[in-house]
């Protein structure tokens, strides 16, 4: 359900607020550079807020003087712990809107980064993105989460303005981390009148479409390392004993870039300043060239068509029936892709390039959610099962459970997913039934040798474990319309 459906209002062409899907995160993020350049009175001063927040954290770290038992250090860690801002329903992982945010481990890493910066330069942190150069795993999702927490009071005001303008009903409810207090160095919750999400049971917060972005992160250690080749002076290279001409793979560039940032924080700041000065354009939400927004409608249309053509699925009663029931979901997705025009949703608009794997998963997921809802079966998207998130987990109680992992066949990790990824998920949760759904787009994808390797891997692992790992191959190659056959 989109927000506009929940509140029964039309999302008009001239509306500047993004209309999120409430049940699953949309794979876009709030770009700090776009927020800081905005002249809307509600968001004017956002850059100063971020500078003030990290200046406070820096001062606390500086006062702690390296003593991790200091109350100042603990206060800094409290501020640097950011819960998932589930009110926005945004995120590149496209899982449930109840994500993990940036927890204690990231807080420690960011505090240590602030300590390194403090020793090297006097300036404050102007851009939250700079932490991505120091802290492993701090990608666009978490940077967006941090920004949305720091500026949450402004997004509350923006949402309330939209609701007032459109006559949208609100409720008084508690919003977590609604503001931060410079004097006490603490986060504060707040009571605010906002729309309520039927999914999270908490508030819904809206964001302007002009703040949303989908491109890969600009500020990364490997990009910083490449930038340094042209911008780091030769005397600094000698001082740091680095050779920028050294041939490194991606992982090597990431590690080298992070080492360089820690050795020369002033270079890291200079790099981020230059990125900030670049022209920043938001994702075109209305044209939606990458289907980062319209995946929900595409998947729901497939589900509705399948419900009309094939009817409801019988409810399973045994473990084997449940496994077969989940397999029927794969059958229906396969039918939609191979026998109707649903394959078009898995390609870009001129059918020259497949969509990203997460979009394929999202389109399939919407179709499967509708079937699960009709049968009273729980489906979890990006469920964490021990060693990481599996694409889909289905369950009714403990006995009736199954997993689906979706992989594009041109992926370099196709076989690894069959021989390691899905079996590990099954072992972690002791789930006997798993489907490995492989989506192909070209003749090379369907090379018999490639298919046989996946099949043999699944057969071997099934025989060894006693569990069921079933490979399924879906042909998403472009099809002629029926009228031209």
Protein backbone atom coordinates (compact mmCIF):
# COMPACT_ATOMS: atom_id res chain seq x y z
CA UNK A 1 0.00 0.00 0.00
CA UNK A 2 1.25 3.45 -0.90
CA UNK A 3 0.82 6.36 1.49
CA UNK A 4 -1.66 8.05 -0.85
CA UNK A 5 -3.87 4.92 -0.73
CA UNK A 6 -3.74 4.84 3.06
CA UNK A 7 -4.93 8.44 3.40
CA UNK A 8 -7.23 8.29 0.36
CA UNK A 9 -5.70 11.27 -1.40
CA UNK A 10 -4.50 11.72 -4.96
CA UNK A 11 -0.78 12.08 -5.48
CA UNK A 12 -0.92 14.89 -8.00
CA UNK A 13 1.59 15.82 -10.66
CA UNK A 14 2.41 19.06 -8.85
CA UNK A 15 2.93 17.43 -5.45
CA UNK A 16 6.56 17.58 -4.40
CA UNK A 17 6.33 14.90 -1.68
CA UNK A 18 7.35 11.33 -2.41
CA UNK A 19 4.56 8.75 -2.12
CA UNK A 20 6.22 5.74 -0.41
CA UNK A 21 5.17 2.11 -0.29
CA UNK A 22 4.58 1.49 3.41
CA UNK A 23 5.08 -2.27 3.49
CA UNK A 24 8.56 -2.35 1.97
CA UNK A 25 11.41 0.09 1.60
CA UNK A 26 11.80 1.85 -1.74
CA UNK A 27 15.41 1.61 -3.06
CA UNK A 28 16.13 5.33 -2.93
CA UNK A 29 17.94 7.33 -0.28
CA UNK A 30 18.01 10.90 0.98
CA UNK A 31 21.10 12.52 -0.51
CA UNK A 32 22.73 14.96 1.98
CA UNK A 33 24.13 17.11 -0.82
CA UNK A 34 20.65 17.67 -2.24
CA UNK A 35 19.22 18.60 1.17
CA UNK A 36 22.01 21.07 1.90
CA UNK A 37 21.44 22.90 -1.39
CA UNK A 38 17.70 23.34 -0.77
CA UNK A 39 16.15 26.76 -0.18
CA UNK A 40 12.81 25.63 1.28
CA UNK A 41 12.37 27.48 4.61
CA UNK A 42 11.64 24.18 6.36
CA UNK A 43 15.04 22.78 5.39
CA UNK A 44 17.09 26.00 5.40
CA UNK A 45 19.85 25.57 7.95
CA UNK A 46 20.02 21.77 7.58
CA UNK A 47 23.74 21.95 6.84
CA UNK A 48 24.31 23.97 10.01
CA UNK A 49 22.37 21.33 11.97
CA UNK A 50 24.66 18.58 10.72
CA UNK A 51 27.78 20.63 11.43
CA UNK A 52 26.48 21.41 14.91
CA UNK A 53 25.67 17.77 15.63
CA UNK A 54 29.10 16.44 14.68
CA UNK A 55 30.87 19.37 16.33
CA UNK A 56 29.16 18.36 19.58
CA UNK A 57 30.22 14.72 19.07
CA UNK A 58 33.77 15.80 18.22
CA UNK A 59 34.00 17.94 21.35
CA UNK A 60 32.80 15.07 23.51
CA UNK A 61 35.38 12.74 21.97
CA UNK A 62 38.10 15.39 22.43
CA UNK A 63 37.15 15.89 26.09
CA UNK A 64 37.25 12.12 26.65
CA UNK A 65 40.91 12.25 25.59
CA UNK A 66 41.02 8.65 24.43
CA UNK A 67 39.48 7.29 27.63
CA UNK A 68 36.70 4.97 26.47
CA UNK A 69 35.45 4.69 30.06
CA UNK A 70 34.87 8.45 30.19
CA UNK A 71 31.26 9.66 30.50
CA UNK A 72 32.03 12.02 27.60
CA UNK A 73 32.97 9.09 25.38
CA UNK A 74 29.80 7.22 26.36
CA UNK A 75 27.74 10.33 25.66
CA UNK A 76 29.31 10.57 22.17
CA UNK A 77 28.45 6.93 21.51
CA UNK A 78 24.83 7.53 22.49
CA UNK A 79 24.58 10.36 19.99
CA UNK A 80 26.34 8.37 17.27
CA UNK A 81 23.92 5.43 17.56
CA UNK A 82 21.24 5.96 14.94
CA UNK A 83 18.15 3.72 14.83
CA UNK A 84 16.62 2.83 11.49
CA UNK A 85 14.33 5.77 10.59
CA UNK A 86 11.54 3.42 9.60
CA UNK A 87 9.12 6.34 9.33
CA UNK A 88 10.49 7.08 5.83
CA UNK A 89 10.20 3.59 4.24
CA UNK A 90 13.35 4.17 2.18
CA UNK A 91 16.38 1.96 1.77
CA UNK A 92 18.60 0.38 -0.83
CA UNK A 93 18.18 -3.13 0.58
CA UNK A 94 14.41 -3.06 -0.04
CA UNK A 95 13.65 -5.13 3.00
CA UNK A 96 11.07 -4.52 5.68
CA UNK A 97 10.92 -0.91 6.94
CA UNK A 98 12.13 -2.24 10.31
CA UNK A 99 15.86 -2.25 9.59
CA UNK A 100 18.85 -2.18 11.91
CA UNK A 101 20.17 1.37 11.47
CA UNK A 102 23.68 2.13 12.72
CA UNK A 103 24.24 0.34 16.00
CA UNK A 104 26.89 0.38 18.74
CA UNK A 105 29.72 -1.01 16.58
CA UNK A 106 29.29 1.77 14.05
CA UNK A 107 29.05 4.32 16.86
CA UNK A 108 32.45 3.23 18.19
CA UNK A 109 33.98 3.31 14.71
CA UNK A 110 32.62 6.82 14.07
CA UNK A 111 33.85 8.06 17.45
CA UNK A 112 37.30 6.69 16.66
CA UNK A 113 37.15 8.42 13.26
CA UNK A 114 36.26 11.70 14.97
CA UNK A 115 39.25 11.24 17.27
CA UNK A 116 41.53 10.80 14.24
CA UNK A 117 40.05 13.86 12.53
CA UNK A 118 40.36 15.96 15.69
CA UNK A 119 44.08 15.26 15.96
CA UNK A 120 44.67 16.27 12.34
CA UNK A 121 42.38 19.22 11.56
CA UNK A 122 40.50 21.87 13.50
CA UNK A 123 37.51 22.11 11.18
CA UNK A 124 34.24 20.36 11.97
CA UNK A 125 32.51 17.67 9.97
CA UNK A 126 30.59 19.46 7.23
CA UNK A 127 29.30 16.35 5.47
CA UNK A 128 28.16 13.09 7.00
CA UNK A 129 29.51 11.29 3.91
CA UNK A 130 33.10 11.74 5.09
CA UNK A 131 32.60 8.91 7.60
CA UNK A 132 32.33 6.47 4.68
CA UNK A 133 36.07 6.96 4.14
CA UNK A 134 36.90 5.87 7.69
CA UNK A 135 34.23 3.35 8.72
CA UNK A 136 33.83 -0.01 6.89
CA UNK A 137 30.25 -0.84 5.92
CA UNK A 138 28.98 2.73 6.11
CA UNK A 139 27.18 2.86 2.76
CA UNK A 140 24.50 5.13 1.32
CA UNK A 141 21.74 3.46 3.34
CA UNK A 142 23.33 4.18 6.69
CA UNK A 143 24.46 7.67 5.71
CA UNK A 144 20.87 8.42 4.70
CA UNK A 145 19.66 6.97 8.01
CA UNK A 146 22.06 9.19 9.96
CA UNK A 147 20.98 12.30 8.08
CA UNK A 148 17.27 11.53 8.51
CA UNK A 149 17.76 11.12 12.25
CA UNK A 150 19.72 14.36 12.65
CA UNK A 151 17.14 16.31 10.61
CA UNK A 152 14.05 14.40 11.74
CA UNK A 153 12.46 17.46 13.33
CA UNK A 154 12.53 19.18 9.93
CA UNK A 155 10.93 16.19 8.21
CA UNK A 156 8.24 16.14 10.89
CA UNK A 157 7.47 19.79 10.12
CA UNK A 158 7.44 19.06 6.39
CA UNK A 159 5.03 16.11 6.78
CA UNK A 160 2.72 18.14 8.98
CA UNK A 161 2.68 20.91 6.35
CA UNK A 162 1.70 18.40 3.64
CA UNK A 163 -1.04 16.95 5.85
CA UNK A 164 -2.43 20.39 6.62
CA UNK A 165 -2.38 21.39 2.97
CA UNK A 166 -4.15 18.20 1.83
CA UNK A 167 -6.46 17.71 4.79
CA UNK A 168 -4.83 14.40 5.74
CA UNK A 169 -5.79 13.02 9.15
CA UNK A 170 -3.13 12.62 11.82
CA UNK A 171 -2.73 11.13 15.29
CA UNK A 172 -0.67 12.22 18.24
CA UNK A 173 2.12 9.69 18.62
CA UNK A 174 5.67 9.28 19.86
CA UNK A 175 8.49 9.72 17.34
CA UNK A 176 11.81 8.20 18.34
CA UNK A 177 14.95 10.36 18.06
CA UNK A 178 12.88 13.34 17.01
CA UNK A 179 15.60 15.78 18.07
CA UNK A 180 19.00 16.01 19.73
CA UNK A 181 19.91 18.29 22.59
CA UNK A 182 23.22 20.21 22.39
CA UNK A 183 23.25 20.98 26.11
CA UNK A 184 22.67 17.44 27.39
CA UNK A 185 24.15 15.52 24.47
CA UNK A 186 21.13 13.25 24.22
CA UNK A 187 18.52 12.22 21.73
CA UNK A 188 14.95 13.14 22.63
CA UNK A 189 11.70 11.53 21.57
CA UNK A 190 8.74 13.78 20.83
CA UNK A 191 4.98 13.66 20.64
CA UNK A 192 3.78 14.87 17.26
CA UNK A 193 0.59 14.73 15.19
CA UNK A 194 1.40 12.61 12.15
CA UNK A 195 -0.16 9.91 9.91
CA UNK A 196 0.14 6.38 11.32
CA UNK A 197 1.59 3.50 9.31
CA UNK A 198 -0.48 0.28 9.39
CA UNK A 199 2.77 -1.65 8.94
CA UNK A 200 5.10 -0.26 11.61
CA UNK A 201 2.23 1.13 13.77
CA UNK A 202 4.37 4.26 14.11
CA UNK A 203 4.48 7.56 12.26
CA UNK A 204 4.89 8.12 8.54
CA UNK A 205 7.34 10.83 7.53
CA UNK A 206 7.40 12.24 4.02
CA UNK A 207 10.35 13.60 2.09
CA UNK A 208 10.48 15.87 -0.96
CA UNK A 209 11.10 13.97 -4.19
CA UNK A 210 13.91 16.43 -4.96
CA UNK A 211 15.99 14.96 -2.09
CA UNK A 212 15.96 11.37 -3.38
CA UNK A 213 18.79 9.68 -5.18
CA UNK A 214 19.55 6.23 -6.53
CA UNK A 215 23.09 6.49 -7.86
CA UNK A 216 25.99 4.63 -6.23
CA UNK A 217 27.69 6.38 -3.40
CA UNK A 218 30.07 9.13 -4.56
CA UNK A 219 32.17 9.21 -1.40
CA UNK A 220 33.88 5.84 -1.08
CA UNK A 221 37.44 4.81 -0.16
CA UNK A 222 38.19 3.45 -3.65
CA UNK A 223 36.97 6.63 -5.38
CA UNK A 224 38.99 8.65 -2.87
CA UNK A 225 42.06 6.59 -3.71
CA UNK A 226 41.61 7.29 -7.43
CA UNK A 227 41.06 10.99 -6.71
CA UNK A 228 44.25 11.08 -4.68
CA UNK A 229 46.30 10.12 -7.74
CA UNK A 230 45.74 13.61 -9.17
CA UNK A 231 45.38 15.65 -5.99
CA UNK A 232 47.72 14.36 -3.29
CA UNK A 233 51.04 16.18 -3.39
CA UNK A 234 54.27 14.26 -3.98
CA UNK A 235 55.75 15.30 -0.64
CA UNK A 236 52.67 13.96 1.15
CA UNK A 237 52.97 10.71 -0.78
CA UNK A 238 56.54 10.41 0.42
CA UNK A 239 55.53 11.18 4.02
CA UNK A 240 52.81 8.55 3.89
CA UNK A 241 54.98 6.07 1.98
CA UNK A 242 52.25 5.42 -0.57
CA UNK A 243 52.46 4.60 -4.24
CA UNK A 244 49.28 5.72 -5.99
CA UNK A 245 50.41 4.14 -9.23
CA UNK A 246 50.36 0.69 -7.65
CA UNK A 247 47.91 -1.62 -9.42
CA UNK A 248 45.21 -2.68 -6.98
CA UNK A 249 41.95 -4.57 -7.31
CA UNK A 250 38.72 -3.07 -5.94
CA UNK A 251 39.22 -4.46 -2.46
CA UNK A 252 42.81 -3.23 -2.44
CA UNK A 253 41.74 0.29 -3.46
CA UNK A 254 39.12 0.34 -0.70
CA UNK A 255 41.66 -0.66 1.94
CA UNK A 256 44.27 1.75 0.59
CA UNK A 257 41.75 4.60 0.45
CA UNK A 258 40.73 3.99 4.05
CA UNK A 259 44.39 3.93 5.16
CA UNK A 260 45.00 7.19 3.31
CA UNK A 261 41.99 8.85 4.99
CA UNK A 262 43.25 7.85 8.42
CA UNK A 263 46.79 9.02 7.68
CA UNK A 264 45.68 12.25 6.02
CA UNK A 265 42.20 13.36 7.19
CA UNK A 266 42.77 16.78 5.61
CA UNK A 267 42.94 15.05 2.21
CA UNK A 268 39.67 13.26 2.99
CA UNK A 269 37.99 16.59 3.80
CA UNK A 270 39.36 18.13 0.60
CA UNK A 271 37.97 15.22 -1.43
CA UNK A 272 34.50 15.50 0.11
CA UNK A 273 34.50 19.27 -0.37
CA UNK A 274 35.13 18.73 -4.06
CA UNK A 275 32.31 16.17 -4.31
CA UNK A 276 30.00 18.61 -2.54
CA UNK A 277 30.84 21.28 -5.13
CA UNK A 278 29.78 19.01 -8.02
CA UNK A 279 26.37 19.34 -9.64
CA UNK A 280 23.91 17.06 -7.83
CA UNK A 281 20.67 16.04 -9.51
CA UNK A 282 17.91 13.96 -7.87
CA UNK A 283 16.49 10.77 -9.26
CA UNK A 284 13.61 11.44 -11.66
CA UNK A 285 10.87 9.84 -9.58
CA UNK A 286 8.12 10.54 -12.12
CA UNK A 287 9.97 9.18 -15.20
CA UNK A 288 11.42 6.36 -13.04
CA UNK A 289 13.93 5.06 -15.62
CA UNK A 290 15.28 2.33 -13.32
CA UNK A 291 11.87 1.23 -11.97
CA UNK A 292 12.98 2.20 -8.46
CA UNK A 293 9.44 3.43 -7.75
CA UNK A 294 7.04 1.64 -10.10
CA UNK A 295 8.09 -1.91 -9.16
CA UNK A 296 5.20 -2.02 -6.71
CA UNK A 297 2.52 -1.38 -9.35
CA UNK A 298 4.13 -3.81 -11.81
CA UNK A 299 4.21 -6.62 -9.27
CA UNK A 300 0.70 -5.94 -8.03
CA UNK A 301 -0.66 -6.00 -11.60
CA UNK A 302 0.97 -9.40 -12.09
CA UNK A 303 -0.57 -10.66 -8.86
CA UNK A 304 -4.05 -9.44 -9.77
CA UNK A 305 -3.85 -10.97 -13.23
CA UNK A 306 -2.67 -14.29 -11.82
CA UNK A 307 -5.41 -14.31 -9.19
CA UNK A 308 -7.99 -13.80 -11.94
CA UNK A 309 -6.51 -16.38 -14.33
CA UNK A 310 -5.47 -19.12 -11.90
CA UNK A 311 -7.56 -18.46 -8.80
CA UNK A 312 -6.50 -18.78 -5.16
CA UNK A 313 -4.01 -21.42 -4.05
CA UNK A 314 -5.23 -24.22 -1.77
CA UNK A 315 -3.95 -23.81 1.76
CA UNK A 316 -1.21 -26.34 2.64
CA UNK A 317 -1.60 -28.56 5.69
CA UNK A 318 1.60 -30.66 5.76
CA UNK A 319 5.28 -29.74 5.51
CA UNK A 320 5.55 -31.26 2.03
CA UNK A 321 2.42 -29.46 0.88
CA UNK A 322 3.82 -26.19 2.19
CA UNK A 323 7.07 -26.67 0.25
CA UNK A 324 5.04 -27.43 -2.88
CA UNK A 325 2.83 -24.39 -2.21
CA UNK A 326 5.88 -22.11 -2.21
CA UNK A 327 7.02 -23.82 -5.40
CA UNK A 328 3.70 -22.87 -6.97
CA UNK A 329 4.52 -19.23 -6.24
CA UNK A 330 7.65 -19.68 -8.35
CA UNK A 331 5.53 -21.38 -11.03
CA UNK A 332 3.20 -18.39 -11.18
CA UNK A 333 6.05 -15.90 -11.42
CA UNK A 334 7.61 -18.01 -14.15
CA UNK A 335 4.32 -18.14 -16.03
CA UNK A 336 3.92 -14.37 -15.78
CA UNK A 337 7.42 -13.77 -17.15
CA UNK A 338 7.47 -16.44 -19.86
CA UNK A 339 3.84 -16.50 -21.03
CA UNK A 340 2.64 -12.91 -20.57
CA UNK A 341 4.27 -9.54 -21.10
CA UNK A 342 5.55 -9.39 -17.50
CA UNK A 343 9.11 -9.95 -18.80
CA UNK A 344 9.07 -6.28 -19.82
CA UNK A 345 9.17 -5.23 -16.17
CA UNK A 346 12.54 -6.98 -15.80
CA UNK A 347 14.17 -4.91 -18.57
CA UNK A 348 14.87 -1.22 -18.97
CA UNK A 349 12.45 0.80 -21.08
CA UNK A 350 14.13 0.08 -24.43
CA UNK A 351 14.85 -3.57 -23.55
CA UNK A 352 18.62 -3.26 -23.92
CA UNK A 353 19.63 -3.93 -20.32
CA UNK A 354 18.17 -6.04 -17.49
CA UNK A 355 16.92 -4.30 -14.37
CA UNK A 356 18.96 -4.56 -11.19
CA UNK A 357 18.55 -7.82 -9.30
CA UNK A 358 16.85 -6.07 -6.37
CA UNK A 359 14.15 -4.75 -8.74
CA UNK A 360 13.51 -8.26 -10.10
CA UNK A 361 13.21 -9.51 -6.52
CA UNK A 362 10.85 -6.66 -5.64
CA UNK A 363 8.52 -7.29 -8.60
CA UNK A 364 8.36 -11.00 -7.76
CA UNK A 365 7.93 -10.20 -4.09
CA UNK A 366 4.84 -8.06 -4.61
CA UNK A 367 3.20 -10.90 -6.54
CA UNK A 368 4.07 -13.39 -3.82
CA UNK A 369 2.93 -11.11 -1.00
CA UNK A 370 -0.56 -10.95 -2.48
CA UNK A 371 -0.80 -14.76 -2.65
CA UNK A 372 0.52 -15.11 0.91
CA UNK A 373 -1.94 -12.56 2.24
CA UNK A 374 -4.84 -14.47 0.66
CA UNK A 375 -3.69 -17.72 2.31
CA UNK A 376 -2.66 -16.34 5.70
CA UNK A 377 1.03 -17.16 5.18
CA UNK A 378 3.78 -14.92 6.49
CA UNK A 379 6.38 -13.68 4.01
CA UNK A 380 9.50 -11.79 5.12
CA UNK A 381 11.59 -9.84 2.66
CA UNK A 382 15.34 -9.65 3.30
CA UNK A 383 14.88 -11.71 6.46
CA UNK A 384 18.05 -12.09 8.51
CA UNK A 385 18.68 -15.80 9.00
CA UNK A 386 21.96 -16.15 10.84
CA UNK A 387 24.66 -15.40 8.25
CA UNK A 388 22.84 -12.55 6.52
CA UNK A 389 19.59 -11.69 4.74
CA UNK A 390 17.86 -14.22 2.50
CA UNK A 391 15.63 -12.80 -0.24
CA UNK A 392 12.35 -14.37 0.94
CA UNK A 393 11.29 -16.44 3.93
CA UNK A 394 7.83 -18.04 4.11
CA UNK A 395 6.36 -19.50 7.27
CA UNK A 396 3.29 -20.72 9.13
CA UNK A 397 4.49 -21.54 12.61
CA UNK A 398 7.75 -23.45 13.01
CA UNK A 399 7.12 -26.60 10.96
CA UNK A 400 5.97 -24.96 7.75
CA UNK A 401 8.86 -22.84 6.51
CA UNK A 402 10.65 -22.29 3.20
CA UNK A 403 13.17 -19.96 1.58
CA UNK A 404 13.51 -18.47 -1.89
CA UNK A 405 16.73 -16.92 -3.15
CA UNK A 406 16.53 -15.03 -6.47
CA UNK A 407 19.63 -14.61 -8.60
CA UNK A 408 20.24 -13.25 -12.08
CA UNK A 409 21.95 -15.84 -14.26
CA UNK A 410 24.59 -13.47 -15.58
CA UNK A 411 25.78 -12.89 -12.01
CA UNK A 412 29.33 -13.99 -11.26
CA UNK A 413 27.94 -15.37 -7.98
CA UNK A 414 25.35 -17.62 -9.63
CA UNK A 415 26.96 -20.94 -8.67
CA UNK A 416 28.15 -19.67 -5.31
CA UNK A 417 24.56 -18.84 -4.42
CA UNK A 418 23.59 -22.45 -5.05
CA UNK A 419 26.55 -24.10 -3.35
CA UNK A 420 27.00 -21.82 -0.36
CA UNK A 421 24.53 -18.98 0.10
CA UNK A 422 21.14 -20.71 0.14
CA UNK A 423 22.40 -23.88 1.94
CA UNK A 424 23.93 -21.68 4.65
CA UNK A 425 20.62 -19.90 5.14
CA UNK A 426 18.87 -23.26 5.44
CA UNK A 427 21.39 -24.53 7.98
CA UNK A 428 21.13 -21.33 10.03
CA UNK A 429 17.38 -21.69 10.44
CA UNK A 430 17.05 -25.48 10.03
CA UNK A 431 14.68 -24.95 7.09
CA UNK A 432 14.33 -28.01 4.90
CA UNK A 433 12.78 -26.42 1.82
CA UNK A 434 14.59 -23.97 -0.44
CA UNK A 435 14.15 -22.72 -4.01
CA UNK A 436 16.99 -21.20 -5.99
CA UNK A 437 15.29 -19.05 -8.64
CA UNK A 438 17.59 -18.10 -11.51
CA UNK A 439 16.43 -15.46 -14.01
CA UNK A 440 18.12 -15.40 -17.43
CA UNK A 441 18.11 -12.71 -20.10
CA UNK A 442 20.35 -13.96 -22.92
CA UNK A 443 21.16 -17.13 -24.84
CA UNK A 444 24.48 -17.32 -22.99
CA UNK A 445 22.61 -17.39 -19.68
CA UNK A 446 20.92 -20.60 -20.82
CA UNK A 447 24.08 -22.38 -21.91
CA UNK A 448 23.39 -26.03 -20.94
CA UNK A 449 26.75 -26.28 -19.20
CA UNK A 450 25.87 -23.33 -16.98
CA UNK A 451 22.46 -24.79 -16.11
CA UNK A 452 23.88 -28.25 -15.47
CA UNK A 453 26.43 -26.91 -13.02
CA UNK A 454 23.71 -25.25 -10.94
CA UNK A 455 21.53 -28.36 -11.14
CA UNK A 456 24.35 -30.70 -10.08
CA UNK A 457 25.30 -28.42 -7.21
CA UNK A 458 21.72 -28.37 -5.89
CA UNK A 459 21.33 -32.14 -6.32
CA UNK A 460 24.59 -32.86 -4.48
CA UNK A 461 23.79 -30.55 -1.59
CA UNK A 462 20.26 -31.90 -1.32
CA UNK A 463 21.58 -35.47 -1.15
CA UNK A 464 24.20 -34.56 1.46
CA UNK A 465 21.90 -32.56 3.72
CA UNK A 466 18.61 -34.38 3.31
CA UNK A 467 16.97 -31.03 2.62
CA UNK A 468 15.40 -29.87 -0.61
CA UNK A 469 17.26 -27.29 -2.71
CA UNK A 470 15.33 -26.91 -5.94
CA UNK A 471 16.77 -24.85 -8.81
CA UNK A 472 14.32 -23.07 -11.10
CA UNK A 473 15.27 -21.28 -14.33
CA UNK A 474 13.08 -18.45 -15.59
CA UNK A 475 13.42 -17.24 -19.17
CA UNK A 476 13.17 -13.45 -19.25
CA UNK A 477 14.50 -13.12 -22.80
CA UNK A 478 12.42 -10.64 -24.84
CA UNK A 479 9.34 -12.23 -26.40
CA UNK A 480 7.29 -11.41 -29.47
CA UNK A 481 3.75 -10.33 -28.78
CA UNK A 482 1.12 -13.02 -29.43
CA UNK A 483 -0.23 -11.04 -32.37
CA UNK A 484 3.13 -11.34 -34.15
CA UNK A 485 3.66 -15.05 -33.60
